[in-house]
Structures are given as structure tokens and as C-alpha cells.
Protein backbone atom coordinates (compact mmCIF):
# COMPACT_ATOMS: atom_id res chain seq x y z
CA MET A 1 15.94 127.04 185.24
CA SER A 2 19.01 127.19 187.00
CA ILE A 3 22.33 128.35 185.43
CA THR A 4 24.48 125.83 184.16
CA LYS A 5 28.02 125.33 184.30
CA MET A 6 27.80 125.76 180.40
CA ASP A 7 26.15 128.98 180.87
CA ILE A 8 29.19 130.40 182.96
CA GLN A 9 31.77 128.95 180.39
CA ASN A 10 29.94 130.52 177.48
CA TYR A 11 29.85 133.72 179.40
CA ILE A 12 33.35 133.79 180.37
CA LYS A 13 34.73 132.78 177.13
CA GLU A 14 32.08 135.13 175.18
CA GLY A 15 34.08 137.48 172.97
CA ARG A 16 37.52 137.23 175.12
CA TYR A 17 40.27 136.39 172.47
CA ASP A 18 42.46 136.26 175.07
CA ILE A 19 41.38 133.55 176.77
CA THR A 20 42.77 129.94 175.12
CA ASP A 21 40.83 127.71 177.05
CA CYS A 22 37.89 127.96 179.96
CA THR A 23 36.47 124.63 182.20
CA VAL A 24 34.04 125.17 185.22
CA GLU A 25 33.14 122.42 187.48
CA ASP A 26 30.57 122.39 190.32
CA PHE A 27 32.65 123.31 193.49
CA PHE A 28 29.38 123.65 195.93
CA ILE A 29 25.76 123.12 194.61
CA LYS A 30 23.28 123.93 197.96
CA ASP A 31 20.18 123.04 196.04
CA ASN A 32 20.51 124.80 192.59
CA LYS A 33 17.07 126.62 193.43
CA GLU A 34 14.80 126.70 189.90
CA VAL A 35 13.95 130.16 189.30
CA ASP A 36 11.88 132.12 186.36
CA ASN A 37 14.69 132.71 183.51
CA ALA A 38 13.70 136.45 184.33
CA TYR A 39 16.07 136.43 187.24
CA TRP A 40 18.89 134.44 185.96
CA GLU A 41 18.48 137.96 182.93
CA ASN A 42 18.61 140.09 185.45
CA SER A 43 21.29 142.97 184.23
CA ILE A 44 23.44 142.04 187.04
CA PHE A 45 24.29 138.63 185.40
CA THR A 46 24.96 139.53 182.18
CA ILE A 47 28.23 140.86 183.50
CA ILE A 48 29.59 137.16 185.05
CA GLY A 49 32.01 136.60 182.26
CA ASP A 50 33.33 140.44 183.10
CA VAL A 51 33.70 139.98 186.49
CA VAL A 52 35.31 136.49 186.35
CA SER A 53 38.08 137.47 183.76
CA THR A 54 39.22 140.32 185.56
CA THR A 55 39.45 138.88 188.70
CA PHE A 56 41.59 136.24 186.86
CA LYS A 57 43.38 138.60 185.08
CA ALA A 58 44.44 140.88 188.15
CA ALA A 59 45.61 137.55 189.94
CA GLY A 60 47.38 137.06 186.57
CA SER A 61 49.40 140.30 186.16
CA VAL A 62 51.57 139.46 189.16
CA VAL A 63 52.77 136.11 188.42
CA ASP A 64 56.24 137.20 187.99
CA TYR A 65 56.76 138.94 191.34
CA ILE A 66 55.31 135.32 193.73
CA GLY A 67 58.22 135.17 195.87
CA THR A 68 60.14 137.90 195.13
CA GLY A 69 59.93 139.85 198.11
CA LYS A 70 62.39 138.39 200.34
CA GLY A 71 64.48 140.63 202.27
CA GLU A 72 64.57 144.42 202.74
CA ASN A 73 62.46 144.91 199.52
CA LEU A 74 59.19 143.31 200.85
CA LYS A 75 57.81 146.19 201.26
CA SER A 76 58.50 147.47 197.43
CA VAL A 77 57.40 144.53 195.70
CA LYS A 78 53.25 144.27 197.80
CA ILE A 79 53.48 147.59 196.47
CA GLU A 80 54.30 147.03 193.10
CA VAL A 81 51.54 144.32 193.14
CA ASP A 82 48.78 146.27 194.46
CA LYS A 83 49.46 149.03 191.94
CA ILE A 84 49.53 146.61 189.16
CA ALA A 85 46.47 144.13 190.01
CA SER A 86 44.26 147.40 190.85
CA ASP A 87 45.40 148.93 187.28
CA VAL A 88 44.13 145.98 185.85
CA TYR A 89 40.61 146.10 187.17
CA MET A 90 40.64 149.74 186.74
CA LYS A 91 41.31 149.41 183.11
CA GLU A 92 39.59 146.08 182.66
CA MET A 93 36.45 148.05 183.83
CA LYS A 94 36.31 150.29 181.37
CA ASN A 95 35.16 147.77 178.57
CA TRP A 96 32.36 145.86 180.72
CA LYS A 97 28.99 145.75 179.20
CA GLN A 98 27.46 147.84 182.12
CA GLU A 99 29.31 150.26 183.87
CA VAL A 100 29.83 148.81 187.93
CA LYS A 101 30.57 151.87 190.68
CA VAL A 102 33.58 150.75 192.73
CA ALA A 103 31.93 151.35 196.68
CA THR A 104 34.82 149.52 198.52
CA SER A 105 38.23 148.92 197.24
CA GLU A 106 41.54 148.13 199.87
CA GLY A 107 44.18 150.56 199.85
CA LYS A 108 46.15 150.06 203.05
CA ASP A 109 48.30 147.41 204.26
CA GLU A 110 47.96 145.98 207.91
CA PHE A 111 49.59 149.03 209.54
CA GLY A 112 46.92 151.18 208.08
CA ASN A 113 49.19 152.91 205.52
CA ASP A 114 48.59 154.10 201.96
CA GLN A 115 48.91 151.35 199.41
CA PRO A 116 47.37 151.50 195.41
CA GLY A 117 44.32 150.26 195.49
CA VAL A 118 41.59 150.43 192.75
CA ALA A 119 39.96 154.29 193.12
CA THR A 120 35.99 154.18 194.47
CA ASP A 121 32.90 156.22 193.05
CA LYS A 122 30.74 158.48 194.52
CA ILE A 123 27.60 156.60 195.07
CA GLU A 124 24.75 157.97 195.96
CA LEU A 125 23.07 158.11 199.36
CA LYS A 126 19.78 158.74 199.22
CA LYS A 127 18.57 156.20 196.13
CA ASN A 128 21.10 153.53 195.60
CA GLU A 129 20.12 151.37 192.75
CA SER A 130 23.25 151.05 190.77
CA ILE A 131 24.91 147.73 190.63
CA ASN A 132 28.47 148.14 192.30
CA ILE A 133 31.54 146.10 193.15
CA ALA A 134 33.36 145.71 196.37
CA ILE A 135 37.20 144.92 195.24
CA ASP A 136 40.26 143.51 197.10
CA ALA A 137 42.71 143.32 194.08
CA ILE A 138 45.14 141.33 195.81
CA ASP A 139 44.18 139.63 199.30
CA GLY A 140 47.11 138.70 200.26
CA THR A 141 50.13 140.88 199.32
CA THR A 142 52.44 139.42 201.95
CA LEU A 143 51.89 135.74 201.09
CA THR A 144 52.14 136.86 197.26
CA ALA A 145 55.23 138.54 197.90
CA LEU A 146 56.93 135.70 199.94
CA GLY A 147 55.37 132.99 197.83
CA LEU A 148 53.09 131.85 200.52
CA PRO A 149 49.82 129.64 199.96
CA GLY A 150 46.74 131.79 200.51
CA ALA A 151 46.83 134.61 198.58
CA GLU A 152 43.73 135.88 195.94
CA SER A 153 42.02 138.37 194.32
CA ILE A 154 38.82 138.95 195.26
CA CYS A 155 35.41 140.99 194.79
CA ALA A 156 31.97 141.06 195.06
CA VAL A 157 28.89 143.03 193.01
CA GLY A 158 25.52 143.77 194.21
CA LYS A 159 22.87 146.32 193.53
CA GLY A 160 22.92 148.74 196.10
CA PHE A 161 25.79 147.94 197.38
CA ARG A 162 26.78 150.11 199.86
CA ALA A 163 30.02 152.38 199.84
CA PHE A 164 32.49 151.52 203.02
CA PRO A 165 35.94 153.10 203.67
CA ASP A 166 38.85 151.25 203.92
CA LEU A 167 39.13 150.93 207.91
CA GLN A 168 38.64 147.72 209.72
CA ALA A 169 35.99 145.84 211.12
CA TYR A 170 35.33 144.22 214.48
CA SER A 171 33.02 140.89 212.91
CA ILE A 172 31.61 137.88 213.59
CA LEU A 173 30.37 134.91 211.38
CA ALA A 174 28.07 132.82 213.68
CA ASP A 175 24.22 131.30 212.97
CA ALA A 176 22.12 133.80 211.45
CA LYS A 177 19.38 132.57 214.21
CA VAL A 178 21.56 134.27 217.04
CA MET A 179 22.96 137.68 215.25
CA ASP A 180 20.71 139.54 216.60
CA LYS A 181 21.85 138.27 219.89
CA LEU A 182 25.65 139.08 219.83
CA ASP A 183 27.31 141.73 221.68
CA PHE A 184 28.90 144.30 219.05
CA THR A 185 28.48 147.17 221.61
CA SER A 186 31.13 146.11 224.76
CA LEU A 187 34.72 145.59 223.80
CA PRO A 188 34.80 142.11 222.25
CA GLU A 189 37.12 140.33 225.29
CA VAL A 190 34.37 141.66 227.65
CA ALA A 191 32.08 140.12 225.50
CA LEU A 192 33.76 137.39 224.44
CA GLU A 193 32.52 134.86 227.05
CA LYS A 194 29.09 135.41 226.35
CA ASN A 195 29.01 135.65 222.40
CA LEU A 196 30.77 132.21 221.91
CA GLN A 197 28.30 130.83 224.17
CA LEU A 198 25.34 132.05 221.84
CA ILE A 199 27.62 130.30 218.96
CA ALA A 200 27.41 127.40 220.31
CA ASP A 201 23.88 127.55 221.52
CA GLY A 202 22.96 128.48 217.81
CA LEU A 203 24.96 124.90 217.00
CA GLY A 204 23.66 122.99 219.80
CA LYS A 205 27.58 122.67 220.80
CA ARG A 206 29.41 123.47 224.25
CA VAL A 207 31.49 126.14 224.46
CA ASP A 208 34.76 124.02 224.35
CA GLN A 209 33.49 122.24 221.05
CA LEU A 210 33.93 125.06 219.52
CA VAL A 211 36.29 126.20 216.33
CA MET A 212 36.80 129.29 216.07
CA VAL A 213 39.00 131.56 213.30
CA THR A 214 40.63 134.81 214.33
CA HIS A 215 43.60 137.11 213.32
CA GLY A 216 46.99 136.04 213.85
CA TYR A 217 49.49 138.24 216.27
CA GLU A 218 52.63 137.26 214.53
CA SER A 219 52.64 141.14 213.37
CA LYS A 220 50.46 142.46 215.43
CA LYS A 221 49.53 141.53 219.09
CA HIS A 222 45.96 143.07 219.25
CA HIS A 223 44.13 139.58 219.59
CA GLN A 224 46.09 138.11 221.80
CA THR A 225 44.46 138.47 224.88
CA MET A 226 41.34 137.09 223.42
CA ILE A 227 43.19 134.05 221.82
CA ASP A 228 44.30 133.18 225.16
CA ARG A 229 40.86 133.71 226.99
CA MET A 230 39.20 131.36 224.26
CA ARG A 231 41.65 129.17 224.81
CA ALA A 232 41.20 128.89 228.44
CA LEU A 233 37.32 128.39 227.79
CA GLY A 234 38.74 125.08 225.53
CA VAL A 235 38.11 126.62 222.30
CA THR A 236 40.21 125.44 219.46
CA VAL A 237 41.19 128.44 217.65
CA VAL A 238 42.30 128.77 214.54
CA ILE A 239 45.46 131.43 213.88
CA PRO A 240 46.16 132.03 209.83
CA GLU A 241 50.00 132.76 210.00
CA PRO A 242 51.53 135.53 208.96
CA VAL A 243 47.97 136.99 207.84
CA THR A 244 44.57 136.37 206.80
CA ILE A 245 42.66 135.87 204.02
CA GLU A 246 38.79 135.46 205.09
CA VAL A 247 37.41 133.83 202.23
CA PRO A 248 38.54 130.10 202.41
CA TYR A 249 38.07 129.90 206.25
CA THR A 250 34.52 131.67 205.58
CA ILE A 251 33.52 128.80 203.09
CA GLY A 252 34.72 126.56 205.51
CA ALA A 253 32.31 127.84 208.39
CA CYS A 254 29.69 127.91 205.88
CA LEU A 255 29.95 123.96 204.30
CA GLU A 256 29.08 121.27 206.26
CA THR A 257 32.36 119.30 205.45
CA TYR A 258 34.45 121.77 207.10
CA GLU A 259 35.39 121.65 210.93
CA ILE A 260 34.74 125.82 210.99
CA ASP A 261 32.38 126.96 213.53
CA GLY A 262 32.93 130.53 213.20
CA ILE A 263 35.00 133.48 213.11
CA ILE A 264 35.78 136.62 215.07
CA GLY A 265 38.39 139.02 215.32
CA VAL A 266 38.88 142.49 213.71
CA PHE A 267 39.38 142.89 209.78
CA GLY A 268 39.74 144.81 206.87
CA LEU A 269 36.23 146.12 206.20
CA PRO A 270 36.37 145.65 202.47
CA GLU A 271 36.78 142.27 202.89
CA VAL A 272 34.51 141.67 205.34
CA ALA A 273 32.06 143.12 203.69
CA ILE A 274 32.97 140.66 200.56
CA ASN A 275 32.62 138.17 202.50
CA SER A 276 29.23 139.16 204.24
CA ILE A 277 27.94 138.47 199.95
CA LEU A 278 29.97 135.38 199.80
CA THR A 279 28.39 133.92 203.17
CA ARG A 280 24.70 134.65 201.87
CA MET A 281 25.04 133.51 198.55
CA ILE A 282 26.68 129.94 200.17
CA ASN A 283 24.21 129.44 202.96
CA PRO A 284 21.71 131.92 204.42
CA ASP A 285 21.60 129.73 207.36
CA LYS A 286 25.32 131.93 208.02
CA ALA A 287 25.96 135.67 208.65
CA TYR A 288 28.50 138.00 209.33
CA GLY A 289 27.60 140.97 211.67
CA PHE A 290 29.83 143.62 211.78
CA ARG A 291 30.73 147.27 213.09
CA ILE A 292 32.72 149.64 211.55
CA VAL A 293 36.21 150.05 213.79
CA GLY A 294 39.03 152.57 213.01
CA ASN A 295 42.91 152.08 211.53
CA GLU A 296 44.12 153.61 214.93
CA ILE A 297 44.83 150.89 216.33
CA LEU A 298 46.77 149.61 213.68
CA LYS A 299 49.74 152.07 214.69
CA ARG A 300 50.03 150.36 218.55
CA PRO A 301 51.40 147.24 217.34
CA GLU A 302 52.60 146.09 220.40
CA GLN A 303 48.84 146.61 221.99
CA ASN A 304 47.58 142.88 223.36
CA THR A 305 44.18 144.15 223.74
CA LEU A 306 41.56 145.20 221.38
CA ASP A 307 40.74 148.31 223.48
CA GLY A 308 39.84 151.43 221.89
CA ILE A 309 38.78 149.88 219.06
CA PHE A 310 35.69 151.40 218.72
CA ASP A 311 36.84 155.10 219.04
CA LEU A 312 37.60 156.83 215.60
CA SER A 313 39.87 159.19 214.54
CA SER A 314 38.21 162.60 213.96
CA GLU A 315 38.67 162.55 209.99
CA GLU A 316 37.73 158.78 210.06
CA GLU A 317 34.37 159.93 211.37
CA LYS A 318 34.11 162.67 208.71
CA VAL A 319 34.29 160.00 206.25
CA VAL A 320 32.10 157.54 207.76
CA ASN A 321 29.15 159.95 208.39
CA GLY A 322 30.27 161.72 204.50
CA LEU A 323 29.13 158.12 203.34
CA GLY A 324 25.73 157.77 205.04
CA LEU A 325 27.09 155.46 207.77
CA ASP A 326 26.63 154.99 211.45
CA LYS A 327 29.84 153.85 213.78
CA ASN A 328 27.66 152.18 216.24
CA LEU A 329 25.50 150.40 213.70
CA ILE A 330 25.64 146.69 212.77
CA TYR A 331 25.93 145.65 209.55
CA ASN A 332 25.20 142.88 208.25
CA TYR A 333 23.63 141.62 204.47
CA ASP A 334 20.62 142.76 204.84
CA ASN A 335 21.92 146.64 205.30
CA ILE A 336 24.60 146.44 202.89
CA VAL A 337 22.91 145.12 199.60
CA SER A 338 19.60 145.26 198.03
CA GLY A 339 18.01 142.13 197.13
CA SER A 340 19.62 138.73 196.07
CA GLU A 341 20.98 139.41 192.71
CA CYS A 342 25.11 139.25 193.54
CA ILE A 343 28.00 137.63 192.19
CA PHE A 344 31.30 136.90 194.15
CA ALA A 345 34.61 135.62 192.04
CA CYS A 346 38.13 135.26 193.53
CA ALA A 347 40.95 133.68 191.95
CA ALA A 348 43.85 131.88 193.24
CA VAL A 349 47.45 133.60 193.23
CA THR A 350 49.26 131.58 195.35
CA ASP A 351 48.33 127.79 196.01
CA ASP A 352 45.08 127.61 198.26
CA PRO A 353 45.46 123.90 199.76
CA MET A 354 41.85 124.33 201.32
CA LEU A 355 39.84 125.06 198.91
CA GLY A 356 41.87 122.63 196.49
CA LEU A 357 42.92 125.77 193.96
CA ASN A 358 46.39 125.69 192.58
CA GLY A 359 48.39 128.50 192.63
CA MET A 360 48.65 129.99 189.19
CA LYS A 361 51.25 128.47 186.43
CA LYS A 362 52.72 129.22 182.93
CA GLU A 363 52.39 126.45 180.47
CA ARG A 364 54.12 127.16 176.95
CA ASP A 365 52.50 129.93 176.01
CA SER A 366 49.54 129.99 178.24
CA LEU A 367 48.98 131.35 182.06
CA ILE A 368 46.62 128.95 183.87
CA VAL A 369 44.94 130.71 186.85
CA GLU A 370 42.29 128.77 189.14
CA GLY A 371 39.45 130.38 191.08
CA LEU A 372 36.05 129.92 192.51
CA ILE A 373 32.68 132.34 191.11
CA ALA A 374 29.04 131.98 193.69
CA LEU A 375 25.94 132.90 192.58
CA PRO A 376 22.54 133.21 194.43
CA PHE A 377 21.18 129.56 195.89
CA GLY A 378 23.95 127.96 196.90
CA ASN A 379 25.82 127.89 193.02
CA VAL A 380 29.37 127.94 193.27
CA PHE A 381 32.03 126.57 190.50
CA LYS A 382 35.53 126.56 190.04
CA VAL A 383 36.83 127.85 187.42
CA ARG A 384 40.25 127.41 185.48
CA ILE A 385 41.41 129.89 182.54
CA ALA A 386 43.97 129.50 180.32
CA PHE A 387 45.16 133.04 179.04
CA LYS A 388 47.55 133.95 176.39
CA ASN A 389 50.50 134.62 178.53
CA LYS A 390 51.70 137.82 175.93
CA THR A 391 48.60 139.66 177.21
CA MET A 392 49.11 139.73 180.73
């Protein structure tokens, strides 16, 4: 059997009296693989409704803060947005059908300063078989505070999901068949031409035909040299501003209907882990590879190269080692989660024109939230939930 839209809808509405309406539509169904009933009865899928409703509630909790952070209060609004949404996650997860541990959570701003986040749990290192979650309660606090498109609440759940600290990751999204050939050891600018050629070869293209997404340099200049070199090679470079939200570009790279060939650059480690799960579920022919990077570079916003990204501070080294991680290892889906049973969910805080999601809006006594849920084998559904406004 395969999971259906009605199944998803029933999971979400079950026992939730604060939901007045819920609709589920196909967003992208790759092959809708038929599997045994026992697969979808796996314990992780019993929390589909919990994952979706909590993610959508976290997004909905900040509706009154959208566009209120202009001027000197931008920072304080961003902090409040993160705190409110994180508190929703922590409160709601106490009532889930089964225990899910928080393996990684976004808790730093774009300069490496502490922000409120969902508290992480201690994950067993040697025999990690628990169901764990990675969360970014609001991916795009700046976008939320300024009322700009693209802000989302995102999470991914998987059995044995590895714990990662809130650091950075040098990441490449490309065809899975070239992933083991890519150079993650040399500095990104040094390995750039080789890596772009491998990405192009995997797609049967020339380098000057590639469309690559990378991190912007409006607030920090670290990627400027990489961007200039890609453009010199004829690559079309997509630079989301003022901040990069990976989910729509990850989906864009995985679906043939979007003209995105890959993603390269340094991004938040929790978000990269989440997007690695998303990629495998949508299109196993694509993959993220990533290497752990410290936050020290965030303190040098005027630096226009990625030089020094692999140099972790002594405290960062201690945290990485304490989690059983290797700063020199290249991570991907296969070594961050066990098996294929995973769930991804995102809820649009503000409009996401790339994914065709409307930002939250109030209608009479309801709050309408739209988003996506992705399940294994290319099952991606668009979800629209109406919450009783007084419950948010």
C-alpha cells in the first residue's frame, strides 16, 4: 500500500480540537512506491500528525510579529520570534504519542551569537536507535521581523538521527553519483573548479551551463570570492538575499521542473542536516555532502573568502568530540540517520513564492497556515491547516 492524502489528513486532525479545518493536496509524488502495510505502521509514522501540527503551530505563534522588526528593534524582535516558536515546540512535544529526542536545534544568529532555541537532549552515542528530531523553529527570523518572503518553521525526524552542535557546515548538494569524488578537504575556493566540473559532468552539462545557489554576501562577505570565481567560469549564481533559506532551493534542485543544478557554500549545520533528510526523501539521486565548520568565521564579517573555515575553536572541538563526531569526516544521509523511515515538515511563516505557499493569515476567528510534509519515496504533500485563532 501507499500512504494517501486522507491518511495524512486523519493523522493531523486526530484528537486536535484546535484545528477547525485541514486539507492535504499532492505537491510532488515521484513514484508513490507500494510497500507493505507494516512499513507505514512503523512507529515513526504514528507521529506524522504530531510533527505537522507542532511545526504549523510554531509558525503560527509568531504571526503578530511579522514585519514589526524594522529599525532599532530588529534584534529584539528576532530574539522574541525564536523564543516563542521554540517554546511551542518544547511544550507540544511533551504531548506527542511517543518520546522524540531533540538531536540538533538552531540556537545561533547569523553572527554566531546565542539565540533562543529548542533545548537538545542527550543522545546515546554507541547505540543510537531512538527517534530523534532536528529543528529550526523559525528559519528566517530576519525575514519574519522584516515581513519579507521565505521564512519557515522546519524540522526533520528520523530513527538514529545523529546529534549535531549548532555550528556551520561546508555543504554541496549535487548528483549522488559524484558525491564521493567531490573535494571537501581543500578550501572551497581552491577546490571550486574541480567540484563544479564534477557537478556538471554528473548532469551531462558544461560548467558554464550550471545554475548554482550559494550564500549571499549582503551581511557577510565570506562567499564573495567564490561567487566571483563561479561567475568568471560562466556559472549562473543564485544569491538569495538578505538571508538564505535552503528548503525551497533544495526542493528546486531535486525536482526537474526547477532550473537549479546544485547548492554550494557554508550554511547552518542544523539546517543542512534537515535538508539532507529532505533531499533523500524527494530524490535519492541527489545528495548533500557536508563537513563541520566552526562559528569563528561569523565573527569576521568583512573577510571575503572562506579561509579558515575548518579551524574550530578549542571549545567547538570539545563539543564536536563530545558528540562522537569527526570534524574531518564528510557527512551525508547515510551516516546521519538509520534506515529510510523519516519525516520532514515545514510551515510558511511568510509567503514562499518559489514553493507556492502563502504566508499565514487571519480569517475571522481562524489562523490559516500552509506548508509541506515529505515522506519517503517521493511523497510530498501540501497541507493547509485552519487553527482556532484563540489557541495560537
